[in-house]
């Protein structure tokens, strides 16, 4: 269970818990792959916590023009794992 940032603050930025989980997971993968960090400092040492901090700060948002289906996203994820 996370204590910071609070779930209430996170849900002010993202409209559902499911969307929050997907967005945080995607951003955490990007951070682990070496993507640029968007905050000057983080309270969490872990990538998922850092992703949540970025979301709470409004630095990471859902792209409303994205229409990728869940199955397509899972296929891409599987392909990345097999590389």
Protein backbone atom coordinates (compact mmCIF):
# COMPACT_ATOMS: atom_id res chain seq x y z
CA UNK A 1 0.00 0.00 0.00
CA UNK A 2 1.29 3.42 -0.89
CA UNK A 3 1.31 6.29 1.55
CA UNK A 4 2.83 8.98 -0.65
CA UNK A 5 1.47 10.33 -2.84
CA UNK A 6 -2.02 9.80 -1.50
CA UNK A 7 -4.53 7.95 -3.63
CA UNK A 8 -6.83 10.98 -3.43
CA UNK A 9 -4.17 13.24 -4.95
CA UNK A 10 -3.47 10.66 -7.66
CA UNK A 11 -7.15 10.30 -8.53
CA UNK A 12 -7.35 14.09 -8.93
CA UNK A 13 -4.97 13.60 -11.88
CA UNK A 14 -6.36 10.34 -13.32
CA UNK A 15 -10.04 9.43 -13.55
CA UNK A 16 -9.92 5.79 -12.43
CA UNK A 17 -7.81 3.40 -10.41
CA UNK A 18 -7.41 1.15 -13.45
CA UNK A 19 -6.11 4.02 -15.57
CA UNK A 20 -3.80 5.02 -12.73
CA UNK A 21 -2.36 1.50 -12.50
CA UNK A 22 -1.77 1.29 -16.25
CA UNK A 23 -0.23 4.76 -16.44
CA UNK A 24 2.04 4.13 -13.45
CA UNK A 25 3.20 0.78 -14.81
CA UNK A 26 3.97 2.23 -18.23
CA UNK A 27 5.88 5.17 -16.76
CA UNK A 28 7.77 2.88 -14.37
CA UNK A 29 8.91 0.78 -17.35
CA UNK A 30 10.08 3.94 -19.09
CA UNK A 31 12.05 5.01 -16.01
CA UNK A 32 13.65 1.57 -15.73
CA UNK A 33 14.63 1.79 -19.40
CA UNK A 34 16.51 5.02 -18.67
CA UNK A 35 13.96 7.65 -19.67
CA UNK A 36 14.53 11.18 -18.36
CA UNK A 37 13.20 11.77 -14.84
CA UNK A 38 10.69 14.60 -14.65
CA UNK A 39 11.21 15.67 -11.03
CA UNK A 40 14.35 17.03 -9.41
CA UNK A 41 14.00 14.68 -6.42
CA UNK A 42 11.90 11.70 -5.39
CA UNK A 43 10.82 10.31 -2.04
CA UNK A 44 10.61 6.77 -3.42
CA UNK A 45 13.70 4.84 -4.49
CA UNK A 46 11.58 2.51 -6.68
CA UNK A 47 10.46 3.23 -10.22
CA UNK A 48 6.75 2.65 -9.54
CA UNK A 49 6.83 5.08 -6.62
CA UNK A 50 8.69 7.61 -8.75
CA UNK A 51 6.10 7.20 -11.51
CA UNK A 52 3.31 7.83 -9.00
CA UNK A 53 5.08 10.94 -7.74
CA UNK A 54 5.33 12.25 -11.32
CA UNK A 55 1.63 11.53 -11.89
CA UNK A 56 0.65 13.30 -8.66
CA UNK A 57 2.70 16.32 -9.73
CA UNK A 58 0.90 16.43 -13.08
CA UNK A 59 4.03 15.64 -15.08
CA UNK A 60 2.62 12.41 -16.57
CA UNK A 61 -0.86 12.30 -18.07
CA UNK A 62 -2.92 9.94 -20.18
CA UNK A 63 -2.85 10.73 -23.88
CA UNK A 64 -6.54 11.15 -24.77
CA UNK A 65 -5.81 10.59 -28.47
CA UNK A 66 -4.35 7.14 -27.80
CA UNK A 67 -6.66 4.42 -29.02
CA UNK A 68 -4.44 1.39 -28.46
CA UNK A 69 -6.48 -1.55 -27.33
CA UNK A 70 -5.49 -3.52 -24.24
CA UNK A 71 -4.68 -6.59 -26.35
CA UNK A 72 -2.35 -4.54 -28.55
CA UNK A 73 -0.59 -3.16 -25.48
CA UNK A 74 -0.18 -6.66 -24.03
CA UNK A 75 1.25 -7.87 -27.35
CA UNK A 76 3.82 -5.05 -27.32
CA UNK A 77 4.69 -5.82 -23.72
CA UNK A 78 5.18 -9.51 -24.56
CA UNK A 79 7.41 -8.59 -27.52
CA UNK A 80 9.57 -6.38 -25.26
CA UNK A 81 9.96 -9.20 -22.75
CA UNK A 82 11.11 -11.59 -25.49
CA UNK A 83 13.83 -9.24 -26.80
